[in-house]
């Protein structure tokens, strides 16, 4: 499975990760948690990687089902 350069750049975009980090930091602050320095960025990176991986798994499952027998 290969991804297009646009998809690859979006997944590794600092803007996407920055937005996720800001959202995580804001949610933690709102809930009263104090995150250590850099924790929001690490969580954001992990969340983006998880979403990309799950998307690729979903595509693989969909392709496998499409190639299987029609029931």
Protein backbone atom coordinates (compact mmCIF):
# COMPACT_ATOMS: atom_id res chain seq x y z
CA UNK A 1 0.00 0.00 0.00
CA UNK A 2 1.43 3.33 -0.96
CA UNK A 3 0.15 6.74 -0.09
CA UNK A 4 0.29 9.77 -2.31
CA UNK A 5 2.80 12.53 -1.54
CA UNK A 6 -0.07 14.79 -0.47
CA UNK A 7 -1.37 12.22 2.03
CA UNK A 8 2.14 11.56 3.29
CA UNK A 9 2.87 15.27 3.74
CA UNK A 10 -0.46 15.80 5.51
CA UNK A 11 0.27 12.99 7.95
CA UNK A 12 3.68 14.42 8.75
CA UNK A 13 2.53 18.03 8.72
CA UNK A 14 3.70 20.12 11.63
CA UNK A 15 0.48 22.09 11.36
CA UNK A 16 -1.67 18.99 11.85
CA UNK A 17 0.41 17.86 14.80
CA UNK A 18 0.44 21.38 16.23
CA UNK A 19 -3.34 21.64 16.07
CA UNK A 20 -3.64 18.26 17.78
CA UNK A 21 -1.14 19.32 20.45
CA UNK A 22 -3.05 22.54 21.11
CA UNK A 23 -6.32 20.62 21.37
CA UNK A 24 -4.79 18.11 23.81
CA UNK A 25 -3.25 20.86 25.92
CA UNK A 26 -6.53 22.80 25.98
CA UNK A 27 -8.54 19.70 26.94
CA UNK A 28 -6.07 18.82 29.69
CA UNK A 29 -6.15 22.36 31.02
CA UNK A 30 -9.93 22.41 30.96
CA UNK A 31 -10.05 19.12 32.88
CA UNK A 32 -7.56 20.45 35.42
CA UNK A 33 -4.56 18.33 34.40
CA UNK A 34 -1.12 19.83 34.20
CA UNK A 35 0.89 18.14 31.47
CA UNK A 36 4.69 17.93 31.66
CA UNK A 37 6.72 19.90 29.13
CA UNK A 38 6.41 18.35 25.66
CA UNK A 39 3.72 15.82 26.66
CA UNK A 40 1.04 17.42 24.49
CA UNK A 41 3.33 17.23 21.45
CA UNK A 42 4.17 13.58 22.12
CA UNK A 43 0.50 12.68 22.59
CA UNK A 44 -0.43 14.57 19.43
CA UNK A 45 2.21 12.75 17.42
CA UNK A 46 1.04 9.41 18.76
CA UNK A 47 -2.61 10.24 18.02
CA UNK A 48 -1.84 11.28 14.44
CA UNK A 49 0.23 8.12 13.90
CA UNK A 50 -2.59 5.99 15.34
CA UNK A 51 -5.19 7.60 13.08
CA UNK A 52 -3.01 7.12 9.99
CA UNK A 53 -2.33 3.48 10.91
CA UNK A 54 -6.01 2.73 11.53
CA UNK A 55 -6.87 4.33 8.20
CA UNK A 56 -4.35 2.13 6.42
CA UNK A 57 -5.71 -0.96 8.17
CA UNK A 58 -9.23 0.02 7.12
CA UNK A 59 -8.11 0.44 3.52
CA UNK A 60 -6.38 -2.96 3.59
CA UNK A 61 -9.49 -4.65 4.98
CA UNK A 62 -11.70 -2.94 2.42
CA UNK A 63 -9.44 -4.01 -0.43
CA UNK A 64 -9.31 -7.59 0.86
CA UNK A 65 -13.09 -7.74 1.10
CA UNK A 66 -13.49 -6.28 -2.37
CA UNK A 67 -11.26 -9.01 -3.83
CA UNK A 68 -13.05 -11.82 -1.98
CA UNK A 69 -16.11 -13.68 -3.19
CA UNK A 70 -19.37 -11.76 -3.37
CA UNK A 71 -21.76 -13.35 -0.91
